Structures are given as C-alpha cells and as structure tokens.
C-alpha cells in the first residue's frame, strides 16, 4: 500500500507542477513514450531474471489456470456495463480503462498517448483504486467471495504488490497461481489497452 501512496503523491505533485508552471511543458512533450519503453524493458528484465516462475507454472491445476481469462472477461464485462452509466464515455474507452487491470503505470501512459490526458488520468486513478481495494479489502473478499477473489481483484499486481496480502488471506497454496495470474494479466495489458483505444 505504501507504494500506491507514493505513486499518488507523485501524481499530485505532477498536477501541482503543471498548474503552477513550475517546470517547462516542453521538457515533457513526447517523453512519456520513452518512459514507457524503459518501463517495459525493466518488466521484461525482471521476468527474465526469474526462470523459476515459468518452471513452476507447469504444476498448476489446469482448471485454476483459467483464472486469468476469467478475470479478463469479468473486468471487461464490468467496464462495458459501467459505460452505460457514463454517457460521455464510449464502451471501448471504458474497456480500455478496465484493461489496465491495476497496472496503472503502463496503462495510463498508453491511454494518455492514444486518448488524451483526461482518460489517462481516469485510468491511473481507477487502476490505483483497484490495487488499494485489494490491499485493504482482501479479508472481506475472501469471506464474501472465496479465496480466489483477492487474486482476481489484484489483477496484474497479484504477482507483486498484492502478493503478500493474497498469501496471507487466501493461503500460501495459492501463491504460484497468484504469480501465474499476474504474469498472464501483465502480458495482456499492452495488447488489450491499445486494442480498445484504437476502436
């Protein structure tokens, strides 16, 4: 949760710098694509340095291995339904925001590039909220919806920031599933976000 609060603090700091013109705007025009490339490099580097993650996926129960697909389908369906209450936003825009799956740093940059800063900001706040909801409400999610609920709720973060909470409340036997879930969701984010932004 501390990491999420740090991200929000930097986001607010960026807004304040923009409002009060503390930094020249020309410094940042077009720079977000470079930040995105660097971010993707480090994500790949992190996965490449841990071959045990991929090796451990072989022992997964095939039925449980469908959880990432169910998370994707459920999130996109929820985003499509939510768009009905937001007449100023199209269904693809809402689904693009939902396709972030709590991977706020990557999805918000993509959406800002394709659809503008307003929708990018909505994506950032939406995906940070998803992560924080998982961190704060994991015990309730387990009680009300079962031990797989925090994994789905965590989205892409189920392999990193929300993993300790998932391990604590869902059980250590779900750690490998949680890492696999986050890995698959992580890979889907750039493809789904750009697909829905292009519609």
C-alpha atoms as a PDB file:
ATOM      1  CA  UNK A   1       0.000   0.000   0.000  1.00  0.00           C
ATOM      2  CA  UNK A   2       2.909   2.344   0.709  1.00  0.00           C
ATOM      3  CA  UNK A   3       3.960   2.045  -2.947  1.00  0.00           C
ATOM      4  CA  UNK A   4       0.473   3.081  -4.111  1.00  0.00           C
ATOM      5  CA  UNK A   5       0.505   6.122  -1.839  1.00  0.00           C
ATOM      6  CA  UNK A   6       3.921   7.141  -3.198  1.00  0.00           C
ATOM      7  CA  UNK A   7       2.559   6.900  -6.775  1.00  0.00           C
ATOM      8  CA  UNK A   8      -0.478   9.022  -5.836  1.00  0.00           C
ATOM      9  CA  UNK A   9       1.809  11.584  -4.144  1.00  0.00           C
ATOM     10  CA  UNK A  10       3.940  11.907  -7.298  1.00  0.00           C
ATOM     11  CA  UNK A  11       0.772  12.189  -9.397  1.00  0.00           C
ATOM     12  CA  UNK A  12      -0.493  15.058  -7.218  1.00  0.00           C
ATOM     13  CA  UNK A  13       2.967  16.659  -7.321  1.00  0.00           C
ATOM     14  CA  UNK A  14       2.858  16.500 -11.135  1.00  0.00           C
ATOM     15  CA  UNK A  15      -0.555  18.179 -11.186  1.00  0.00           C
ATOM     16  CA  UNK A  16       0.683  20.964  -8.897  1.00  0.00           C
ATOM     17  CA  UNK A  17       3.804  21.482 -11.036  1.00  0.00           C
ATOM     18  CA  UNK A  18       1.565  21.730 -14.113  1.00  0.00           C
ATOM     19  CA  UNK A  19      -0.929  24.131 -12.521  1.00  0.00           C
ATOM     20  CA  UNK A  20       1.749  26.485 -11.213  1.00  0.00           C
ATOM     21  CA  UNK A  21       4.083  26.120 -14.255  1.00  0.00           C
ATOM     22  CA  UNK A  22       6.971  25.052 -12.025  1.00  0.00           C
ATOM     23  CA  UNK A  23       8.591  23.086 -14.875  1.00  0.00           C
ATOM     24  CA  UNK A  24       8.565  23.990 -18.588  1.00  0.00           C
ATOM     25  CA  UNK A  25       5.968  21.958 -20.543  1.00  0.00           C
ATOM     26  CA  UNK A  26       8.346  21.469 -23.497  1.00  0.00           C
ATOM     27  CA  UNK A  27      10.552  19.278 -21.296  1.00  0.00           C
ATOM     28  CA  UNK A  28       7.856  16.607 -21.255  1.00  0.00           C
ATOM     29  CA  UNK A  29       6.217  16.731 -24.683  1.00  0.00           C
ATOM     30  CA  UNK A  30       6.644  13.266 -26.203  1.00  0.00           C
ATOM     31  CA  UNK A  31       8.748  11.991 -23.278  1.00  0.00           C
ATOM     32  CA  UNK A  32       6.093   9.561 -21.980  1.00  0.00           C
ATOM     33  CA  UNK A  33       6.777   7.096 -24.807  1.00  0.00           C
ATOM     34  CA  UNK A  34      10.432   6.896 -23.688  1.00  0.00           C
ATOM     35  CA  UNK A  35       9.328   6.337 -20.098  1.00  0.00           C
ATOM     36  CA  UNK A  36       7.037   3.553 -21.356  1.00  0.00           C
ATOM     37  CA  UNK A  37       9.883   1.858 -23.270  1.00  0.00           C
ATOM     38  CA  UNK A  38      12.130   1.973 -20.199  1.00  0.00           C
ATOM     39  CA  UNK A  39       9.312   0.587 -18.039  1.00  0.00           C
ATOM     40  CA  UNK A  40       8.677  -2.308 -20.452  1.00  0.00           C
ATOM     41  CA  UNK A  41      12.425  -3.080 -20.514  1.00  0.00           C
ATOM     42  CA  UNK A  42      12.570  -3.396 -16.720  1.00  0.00           C
ATOM     43  CA  UNK A  43       9.416  -5.544 -16.613  1.00  0.00           C
ATOM     44  CA  UNK A  44      10.990  -7.923 -19.138  1.00  0.00           C
ATOM     45  CA  UNK A  45      14.293  -7.862 -17.260  1.00  0.00           C
ATOM     46  CA  UNK A  46      12.552  -8.778 -14.009  1.00  0.00           C
ATOM     47  CA  UNK A  47      10.724 -11.718 -15.573  1.00  0.00           C
ATOM     48  CA  UNK A  48      13.819 -12.906 -17.425  1.00  0.00           C
ATOM     49  CA  UNK A  49      15.880 -12.999 -14.218  1.00  0.00           C
ATOM     50  CA  UNK A  50      13.458 -15.385 -12.517  1.00  0.00           C
ATOM     51  CA  UNK A  51      13.227 -18.605 -14.582  1.00  0.00           C
ATOM     52  CA  UNK A  52      11.717 -20.436 -11.571  1.00  0.00           C
ATOM     53  CA  UNK A  53       8.441 -18.570 -12.111  1.00  0.00           C
ATOM     54  CA  UNK A  54       7.941 -20.071 -15.568  1.00  0.00           C
ATOM     55  CA  UNK A  55       9.099 -23.530 -14.406  1.00  0.00           C
ATOM     56  CA  UNK A  56       6.627 -23.550 -11.504  1.00  0.00           C
ATOM     57  CA  UNK A  57       3.693 -22.814 -13.835  1.00  0.00           C
ATOM     58  CA  UNK A  58       3.849 -26.407 -15.104  1.00  0.00           C
ATOM     59  CA  UNK A  59       2.493 -27.719 -11.794  1.00  0.00           C
ATOM     60  CA  UNK A  60      -0.689 -25.625 -11.906  1.00  0.00           C
ATOM     61  CA  UNK A  61      -4.118 -27.220 -11.841  1.00  0.00           C
ATOM     62  CA  UNK A  62      -5.447 -26.765 -15.428  1.00  0.00           C
ATOM     63  CA  UNK A  63      -8.847 -25.577 -14.178  1.00  0.00           C
ATOM     64  CA  UNK A  64      -7.309 -22.953 -11.871  1.00  0.00           C
ATOM     65  CA  UNK A  65      -5.028 -21.880 -14.727  1.00  0.00           C
ATOM     66  CA  UNK A  66      -8.101 -20.397 -16.456  1.00  0.00           C
ATOM     67  CA  UNK A  67      -8.430 -17.779 -13.682  1.00  0.00           C
ATOM     68  CA  UNK A  68      -6.604 -15.016 -15.657  1.00  0.00           C
ATOM     69  CA  UNK A  69      -9.011 -15.466 -18.572  1.00  0.00           C
ATOM     70  CA  UNK A  70     -11.974 -15.262 -16.212  1.00  0.00           C
ATOM     71  CA  UNK A  71     -10.530 -12.130 -14.590  1.00  0.00           C
ATOM     72  CA  UNK A  72     -10.098 -10.520 -18.010  1.00  0.00           C
ATOM     73  CA  UNK A  73     -13.622 -11.466 -19.113  1.00  0.00           C
ATOM     74  CA  UNK A  74     -15.209 -10.304 -15.850  1.00  0.00           C
ATOM     75  CA  UNK A  75     -13.339  -6.996 -15.799  1.00  0.00           C
ATOM     76  CA  UNK A  76     -14.176  -6.178 -19.412  1.00  0.00           C
ATOM     77  CA  UNK A  77     -17.838  -7.111 -18.874  1.00  0.00           C
ATOM     78  CA  UNK A  78     -17.937  -4.875 -15.778  1.00  0.00           C
ATOM     79  CA  UNK A  79     -16.318  -1.996 -17.679  1.00  0.00           C
ATOM     80  CA  UNK A  80     -18.854  -2.365 -20.500  1.00  0.00           C
ATOM     81  CA  UNK A  81     -21.740  -2.289 -18.012  1.00  0.00           C
ATOM     82  CA  UNK A  82     -20.217   0.734 -16.228  1.00  0.00           C
ATOM     83  CA  UNK A  83     -20.105   2.615 -19.541  1.00  0.00           C
ATOM     84  CA  UNK A  84     -23.919   2.622 -19.566  1.00  0.00           C
ATOM     85  CA  UNK A  85     -23.854   4.927 -16.538  1.00  0.00           C
ATOM     86  CA  UNK A  86     -21.267   7.197 -18.214  1.00  0.00           C
ATOM     87  CA  UNK A  87     -22.922   8.662 -21.316  1.00  0.00           C
ATOM     88  CA  UNK A  88     -19.938  10.926 -22.045  1.00  0.00           C
ATOM     89  CA  UNK A  89     -17.644   7.868 -22.347  1.00  0.00           C
ATOM     90  CA  UNK A  90     -17.817   5.194 -25.027  1.00  0.00           C
ATOM     91  CA  UNK A  91     -17.817   1.455 -24.317  1.00  0.00           C
ATOM     92  CA  UNK A  92     -14.300   0.995 -25.838  1.00  0.00           C
ATOM     93  CA  UNK A  93     -12.939   3.848 -23.691  1.00  0.00           C
ATOM     94  CA  UNK A  94     -14.305   2.262 -20.517  1.00  0.00           C
ATOM     95  CA  UNK A  95     -12.972  -1.124 -21.567  1.00  0.00           C
ATOM     96  CA  UNK A  96      -9.548   0.426 -22.251  1.00  0.00           C
ATOM     97  CA  UNK A  97      -9.510   1.793 -18.697  1.00  0.00           C
ATOM     98  CA  UNK A  98     -10.608  -1.601 -17.333  1.00  0.00           C
ATOM     99  CA  UNK A  99      -7.894  -3.319 -19.380  1.00  0.00           C
ATOM    100  CA  UNK A 100      -5.283  -1.747 -17.133  1.00  0.00           C
ATOM    101  CA  UNK A 101      -6.022  -4.447 -14.504  1.00  0.00           C
ATOM    102  CA  UNK A 102      -4.329  -2.315 -11.792  1.00  0.00           C
ATOM    103  CA  UNK A 103      -1.183  -1.874 -13.919  1.00  0.00           C
ATOM    104  CA  UNK A 104      -1.565   1.888 -13.598  1.00  0.00           C
ATOM    105  CA  UNK A 105       1.900   2.963 -14.721  1.00  0.00           C
ATOM    106  CA  UNK A 106       1.706   1.184 -18.076  1.00  0.00           C
ATOM    107  CA  UNK A 107      -1.986   1.531 -18.926  1.00  0.00           C
ATOM    108  CA  UNK A 108      -2.264   5.228 -18.071  1.00  0.00           C
ATOM    109  CA  UNK A 109       0.693   6.067 -20.326  1.00  0.00           C
ATOM    110  CA  UNK A 110      -0.809   4.105 -23.224  1.00  0.00           C
ATOM    111  CA  UNK A 111      -4.251   5.646 -22.766  1.00  0.00           C
ATOM    112  CA  UNK A 112      -2.798   9.163 -22.481  1.00  0.00           C
ATOM    113  CA  UNK A 113      -0.914   8.605 -25.748  1.00  0.00           C
ATOM    114  CA  UNK A 114      -3.998   7.336 -27.595  1.00  0.00           C
ATOM    115  CA  UNK A 115      -6.919   9.160 -25.962  1.00  0.00           C
ATOM    116  CA  UNK A 116      -5.527  12.162 -24.105  1.00  0.00           C
ATOM    117  CA  UNK A 117      -4.612  13.172 -20.568  1.00  0.00           C
ATOM    118  CA  UNK A 118      -8.156  13.167 -19.182  1.00  0.00           C
ATOM    119  CA  UNK A 119      -8.838   9.497 -19.887  1.00  0.00           C
ATOM    120  CA  UNK A 120      -5.237   8.654 -18.932  1.00  0.00           C
ATOM    121  CA  UNK A 121      -5.822  10.265 -15.532  1.00  0.00           C
ATOM    122  CA  UNK A 122      -9.075   8.339 -15.104  1.00  0.00           C
ATOM    123  CA  UNK A 123      -7.173   5.128 -15.925  1.00  0.00           C
ATOM    124  CA  UNK A 124      -4.456   5.961 -13.394  1.00  0.00           C
ATOM    125  CA  UNK A 125      -6.932   6.613 -10.581  1.00  0.00           C
ATOM    126  CA  UNK A 126      -9.107   3.627 -11.500  1.00  0.00           C
ATOM    127  CA  UNK A 127      -6.203   1.198 -11.512  1.00  0.00           C
ATOM    128  CA  UNK A 128      -4.631   2.568  -8.324  1.00  0.00           C
ATOM    129  CA  UNK A 129      -8.060   2.181  -6.703  1.00  0.00           C
ATOM    130  CA  UNK A 130      -8.178  -1.457  -7.810  1.00  0.00           C
ATOM    131  CA  UNK A 131      -4.826  -2.196  -6.205  1.00  0.00           C
ATOM    132  CA  UNK A 132      -5.687  -0.364  -2.982  1.00  0.00           C
ATOM    133  CA  UNK A 133      -9.079  -2.099  -2.773  1.00  0.00           C
ATOM    134  CA  UNK A 134      -7.309  -5.461  -2.954  1.00  0.00           C
ATOM    135  CA  UNK A 135      -4.784  -4.445  -0.302  1.00  0.00           C
ATOM    136  CA  UNK A 136      -7.418  -3.107   2.088  1.00  0.00           C
ATOM    137  CA  UNK A 137     -10.318  -5.476   1.467  1.00  0.00           C
ATOM    138  CA  UNK A 138      -8.642  -8.876   0.927  1.00  0.00           C
ATOM    139  CA  UNK A 139     -10.093 -10.384   4.146  1.00  0.00           C
ATOM    140  CA  UNK A 140     -13.605  -9.304   3.156  1.00  0.00           C
ATOM    141  CA  UNK A 141     -13.154 -10.563  -0.410  1.00  0.00           C
ATOM    142  CA  UNK A 142     -12.135 -13.993   0.913  1.00  0.00           C
ATOM    143  CA  UNK A 143     -15.072 -14.089   3.322  1.00  0.00           C
ATOM    144  CA  UNK A 144     -17.691 -12.982   0.791  1.00  0.00           C
ATOM    145  CA  UNK A 145     -16.440 -14.453  -2.497  1.00  0.00           C
ATOM    146  CA  UNK A 146     -13.855 -17.145  -1.726  1.00  0.00           C
ATOM    147  CA  UNK A 147     -10.089 -17.457  -1.697  1.00  0.00           C
ATOM    148  CA  UNK A 148      -9.634 -16.744  -5.405  1.00  0.00           C
ATOM    149  CA  UNK A 149     -11.337 -13.329  -5.158  1.00  0.00           C
ATOM    150  CA  UNK A 150      -8.281 -11.313  -3.979  1.00  0.00           C
ATOM    151  CA  UNK A 151      -6.237 -12.796  -6.830  1.00  0.00           C
ATOM    152  CA  UNK A 152      -8.759 -11.646  -9.441  1.00  0.00           C
ATOM    153  CA  UNK A 153      -9.207  -8.318  -7.700  1.00  0.00           C
ATOM    154  CA  UNK A 154      -5.443  -7.743  -7.689  1.00  0.00           C
ATOM    155  CA  UNK A 155      -5.242  -8.097 -11.468  1.00  0.00           C
ATOM    156  CA  UNK A 156      -1.702  -7.554 -12.728  1.00  0.00           C
ATOM    157  CA  UNK A 157      -0.496  -6.780  -9.189  1.00  0.00           C
ATOM    158  CA  UNK A 158      -1.243 -10.313  -7.955  1.00  0.00           C
ATOM    159  CA  UNK A 159       2.359 -11.233  -8.818  1.00  0.00           C
ATOM    160  CA  UNK A 160       3.990  -8.374  -6.931  1.00  0.00           C
ATOM    161  CA  UNK A 161       2.489  -5.686  -4.660  1.00  0.00           C
ATOM    162  CA  UNK A 162      -0.665  -7.552  -3.581  1.00  0.00           C
ATOM    163  CA  UNK A 163       1.029 -10.991  -3.390  1.00  0.00           C
ATOM    164  CA  UNK A 164       1.866 -10.790   0.354  1.00  0.00           C
ATOM    165  CA  UNK A 165      -1.757  -9.933   1.192  1.00  0.00           C
ATOM    166  CA  UNK A 166      -3.042 -12.697  -1.096  1.00  0.00           C
ATOM    167  CA  UNK A 167      -0.650 -15.190   0.531  1.00  0.00           C
ATOM    168  CA  UNK A 168      -1.820 -14.153   3.988  1.00  0.00           C
ATOM    169  CA  UNK A 169      -5.589 -14.294   3.416  1.00  0.00           C
ATOM    170  CA  UNK A 170      -6.019 -16.767   0.549  1.00  0.00           C
ATOM    171  CA  UNK A 171      -3.295 -19.148   1.710  1.00  0.00           C
ATOM    172  CA  UNK A 172       0.245 -19.972   0.665  1.00  0.00           C
ATOM    173  CA  UNK A 173      -1.036 -22.757  -1.601  1.00  0.00           C
ATOM    174  CA  UNK A 174      -2.362 -20.036  -3.935  1.00  0.00           C
ATOM    175  CA  UNK A 175       0.944 -18.163  -4.283  1.00  0.00           C
ATOM    176  CA  UNK A 176       2.001 -19.885  -7.531  1.00  0.00           C
ATOM    177  CA  UNK A 177      -1.472 -19.378  -9.002  1.00  0.00           C
ATOM    178  CA  UNK A 178      -1.329 -15.718  -7.986  1.00  0.00           C
ATOM    179  CA  UNK A 179       2.056 -15.243  -9.680  1.00  0.00           C
ATOM    180  CA  UNK A 180       0.833 -17.036 -12.823  1.00  0.00           C
ATOM    181  CA  UNK A 181      -2.333 -14.913 -12.817  1.00  0.00           C
ATOM    182  CA  UNK A 182      -0.355 -11.668 -12.530  1.00  0.00           C
ATOM    183  CA  UNK A 183       2.093 -12.795 -15.215  1.00  0.00           C
ATOM    184  CA  UNK A 184      -0.648 -13.532 -17.772  1.00  0.00           C
ATOM    185  CA  UNK A 185      -2.621 -10.376 -16.928  1.00  0.00           C
ATOM    186  CA  UNK A 186       0.605  -8.343 -17.118  1.00  0.00           C
ATOM    187  CA  UNK A 187       1.241  -9.560 -20.653  1.00  0.00           C
ATOM    188  CA  UNK A 188      -2.330  -8.832 -21.754  1.00  0.00           C
ATOM    189  CA  UNK A 189      -2.361  -5.170 -20.676  1.00  0.00           C
ATOM    190  CA  UNK A 190      -0.483  -3.533 -23.610  1.00  0.00           C
ATOM    191  CA  UNK A 191      -2.403  -5.563 -26.190  1.00  0.00           C
ATOM    192  CA  UNK A 192      -5.886  -5.038 -24.742  1.00  0.00           C
ATOM    193  CA  UNK A 193      -5.390  -1.355 -23.889  1.00  0.00           C
ATOM    194  CA  UNK A 194      -4.108  -0.478 -27.360  1.00  0.00           C
ATOM    195  CA  UNK A 195      -6.841  -2.592 -28.983  1.00  0.00           C
ATOM    196  CA  UNK A 196      -9.682  -0.810 -27.185  1.00  0.00           C
ATOM    197  CA  UNK A 197      -8.027   2.603 -27.644  1.00  0.00           C
ATOM    198  CA  UNK A 198      -7.909   2.012 -31.384  1.00  0.00           C
ATOM    199  CA  UNK A 199     -11.661   1.276 -31.673  1.00  0.00           C
END
